[in-house]
């Protein structure tokens, strides 16, 4: 075999190896993308659960009338936030 054929054969082998690596990386990318989506879904669910538990805690505090001044201020901020969100939603509906 002459050197041109040997070089062509080495280039072909390297190209085959690159293609195998590319396919493996595509599979790994797909797997990681799916894993990211699962983690995002889990995080969203955990955040919702956290919010629900925080609301339940607030309700329990309100029902027992054991709110500290800081708790009262925090509750007032949250109520104001919800009112602003409701107003924003109403404004969007009226457009």
C-alpha atoms as a PDB file:
ATOM      1  CA  UNK A   1       0.000   0.000   0.000  1.00  0.00           C
ATOM      2  CA  UNK A   2       1.325   3.397  -0.779  1.00  0.00           C
ATOM      3  CA  UNK A   3       1.328   6.279   1.694  1.00  0.00           C
ATOM      4  CA  UNK A   4      -1.691   8.017   0.089  1.00  0.00           C
ATOM      5  CA  UNK A   5      -3.806   4.910   0.602  1.00  0.00           C
ATOM      6  CA  UNK A   6      -2.576   4.571   4.181  1.00  0.00           C
ATOM      7  CA  UNK A   7      -3.432   8.191   4.908  1.00  0.00           C
ATOM      8  CA  UNK A   8      -6.873   7.732   3.368  1.00  0.00           C
ATOM      9  CA  UNK A   9      -7.424   4.614   5.466  1.00  0.00           C
ATOM     10  CA  UNK A  10      -6.389   6.463   8.673  1.00  0.00           C
ATOM     11  CA  UNK A  11      -8.677   9.371   7.796  1.00  0.00           C
ATOM     12  CA  UNK A  12     -11.512   6.917   7.204  1.00  0.00           C
ATOM     13  CA  UNK A  13     -10.880   5.186  10.559  1.00  0.00           C
ATOM     14  CA  UNK A  14     -10.757   8.517  12.381  1.00  0.00           C
ATOM     15  CA  UNK A  15     -13.976   9.582  10.676  1.00  0.00           C
ATOM     16  CA  UNK A  16     -15.649   6.349  11.771  1.00  0.00           C
ATOM     17  CA  UNK A  17     -14.470   6.940  15.342  1.00  0.00           C
ATOM     18  CA  UNK A  18     -15.768  10.511  15.224  1.00  0.00           C
ATOM     19  CA  UNK A  19     -19.142   9.283  13.993  1.00  0.00           C
ATOM     20  CA  UNK A  20     -19.347   6.759  16.866  1.00  0.00           C
ATOM     21  CA  UNK A  21     -18.442   9.478  19.340  1.00  0.00           C
ATOM     22  CA  UNK A  22     -21.016  11.822  17.786  1.00  0.00           C
ATOM     23  CA  UNK A  23     -23.790   9.216  18.059  1.00  0.00           C
ATOM     24  CA  UNK A  24     -22.830   8.466  21.665  1.00  0.00           C
ATOM     25  CA  UNK A  25     -22.868  12.175  22.512  1.00  0.00           C
ATOM     26  CA  UNK A  26     -26.276  12.602  20.869  1.00  0.00           C
ATOM     27  CA  UNK A  27     -27.667   9.775  23.018  1.00  0.00           C
ATOM     28  CA  UNK A  28     -26.101  11.275  26.137  1.00  0.00           C
ATOM     29  CA  UNK A  29     -27.505  14.700  25.254  1.00  0.00           C
ATOM     30  CA  UNK A  30     -30.984  13.261  24.805  1.00  0.00           C
ATOM     31  CA  UNK A  31     -30.746  11.406  28.119  1.00  0.00           C
ATOM     32  CA  UNK A  32     -29.557  14.533  29.933  1.00  0.00           C
ATOM     33  CA  UNK A  33     -32.283  16.643  28.328  1.00  0.00           C
ATOM     34  CA  UNK A  34     -34.910  14.192  29.576  1.00  0.00           C
ATOM     35  CA  UNK A  35     -33.330  14.208  33.013  1.00  0.00           C
ATOM     36  CA  UNK A  36     -33.403  18.013  33.077  1.00  0.00           C
ATOM     37  CA  UNK A  37     -37.110  17.965  32.216  1.00  0.00           C
ATOM     38  CA  UNK A  38     -37.775  15.468  35.009  1.00  0.00           C
ATOM     39  CA  UNK A  39     -35.890  17.639  37.494  1.00  0.00           C
ATOM     40  CA  UNK A  40     -37.773  20.743  36.342  1.00  0.00           C
ATOM     41  CA  UNK A  41     -41.086  18.936  36.766  1.00  0.00           C
ATOM     42  CA  UNK A  42     -40.075  17.678  40.198  1.00  0.00           C
ATOM     43  CA  UNK A  43     -38.918  21.147  41.229  1.00  0.00           C
ATOM     44  CA  UNK A  44     -42.198  22.681  40.084  1.00  0.00           C
ATOM     45  CA  UNK A  45     -44.157  20.082  42.038  1.00  0.00           C
ATOM     46  CA  UNK A  46     -42.041  20.667  45.134  1.00  0.00           C
ATOM     47  CA  UNK A  47     -42.521  24.427  44.820  1.00  0.00           C
ATOM     48  CA  UNK A  48     -46.288  23.955  44.565  1.00  0.00           C
ATOM     49  CA  UNK A  49     -46.254  21.681  47.606  1.00  0.00           C
ATOM     50  CA  UNK A  50     -44.150  24.231  49.473  1.00  0.00           C
ATOM     51  CA  UNK A  51     -46.594  27.018  48.590  1.00  0.00           C
ATOM     52  CA  UNK A  52     -49.559  24.889  49.649  1.00  0.00           C
ATOM     53  CA  UNK A  53     -47.924  24.074  52.974  1.00  0.00           C
ATOM     54  CA  UNK A  54     -47.065  27.740  53.541  1.00  0.00           C
ATOM     55  CA  UNK A  55     -50.703  28.670  52.939  1.00  0.00           C
ATOM     56  CA  UNK A  56     -51.849  25.979  55.345  1.00  0.00           C
ATOM     57  CA  UNK A  57     -49.431  27.294  57.951  1.00  0.00           C
ATOM     58  CA  UNK A  58     -50.772  30.805  57.477  1.00  0.00           C
ATOM     59  CA  UNK A  59     -54.321  29.544  57.889  1.00  0.00           C
ATOM     60  CA  UNK A  60     -53.369  27.728  61.080  1.00  0.00           C
ATOM     61  CA  UNK A  61     -51.684  30.829  62.451  1.00  0.00           C
ATOM     62  CA  UNK A  62     -54.734  32.918  61.604  1.00  0.00           C
ATOM     63  CA  UNK A  63     -57.111  30.442  63.192  1.00  0.00           C
ATOM     64  CA  UNK A  64     -55.158  30.401  66.448  1.00  0.00           C
ATOM     65  CA  UNK A  65     -54.622  34.201  66.460  1.00  0.00           C
ATOM     66  CA  UNK A  66     -50.934  33.712  67.223  1.00  0.00           C
ATOM     67  CA  UNK A  67     -49.416  36.013  64.661  1.00  0.00           C
ATOM     68  CA  UNK A  68     -46.340  37.975  65.570  1.00  0.00           C
ATOM     69  CA  UNK A  69     -45.843  41.448  64.153  1.00  0.00           C
ATOM     70  CA  UNK A  70     -43.450  40.064  61.545  1.00  0.00           C
ATOM     71  CA  UNK A  71     -45.997  37.418  60.580  1.00  0.00           C
ATOM     72  CA  UNK A  72     -48.701  40.065  60.279  1.00  0.00           C
ATOM     73  CA  UNK A  73     -46.483  42.191  58.032  1.00  0.00           C
ATOM     74  CA  UNK A  74     -45.596  39.174  55.893  1.00  0.00           C
ATOM     75  CA  UNK A  75     -49.250  38.177  55.614  1.00  0.00           C
ATOM     76  CA  UNK A  76     -50.189  41.727  54.645  1.00  0.00           C
ATOM     77  CA  UNK A  77     -47.486  41.735  51.942  1.00  0.00           C
ATOM     78  CA  UNK A  78     -48.762  38.449  50.544  1.00  0.00           C
ATOM     79  CA  UNK A  79     -52.357  39.646  50.552  1.00  0.00           C
ATOM     80  CA  UNK A  80     -51.298  42.817  48.734  1.00  0.00           C
ATOM     81  CA  UNK A  81     -49.371  40.731  46.217  1.00  0.00           C
ATOM     82  CA  UNK A  82     -52.423  38.539  45.574  1.00  0.00           C
ATOM     83  CA  UNK A  83     -54.634  41.605  45.188  1.00  0.00           C
ATOM     84  CA  UNK A  84     -52.227  43.108  42.636  1.00  0.00           C
ATOM     85  CA  UNK A  85     -52.186  39.824  40.728  1.00  0.00           C
ATOM     86  CA  UNK A  86     -55.986  39.703  40.739  1.00  0.00           C
ATOM     87  CA  UNK A  87     -56.143  43.312  39.500  1.00  0.00           C
ATOM     88  CA  UNK A  88     -53.618  42.496  36.779  1.00  0.00           C
ATOM     89  CA  UNK A  89     -55.647  39.480  35.669  1.00  0.00           C
ATOM     90  CA  UNK A  90     -58.848  41.525  35.586  1.00  0.00           C
ATOM     91  CA  UNK A  91     -57.105  44.191  33.515  1.00  0.00           C
ATOM     92  CA  UNK A  92     -55.913  41.546  31.080  1.00  0.00           C
ATOM     93  CA  UNK A  93     -59.419  40.145  30.786  1.00  0.00           C
ATOM     94  CA  UNK A  94     -60.827  43.589  30.050  1.00  0.00           C
ATOM     95  CA  UNK A  95     -58.454  44.158  27.125  1.00  0.00           C
END
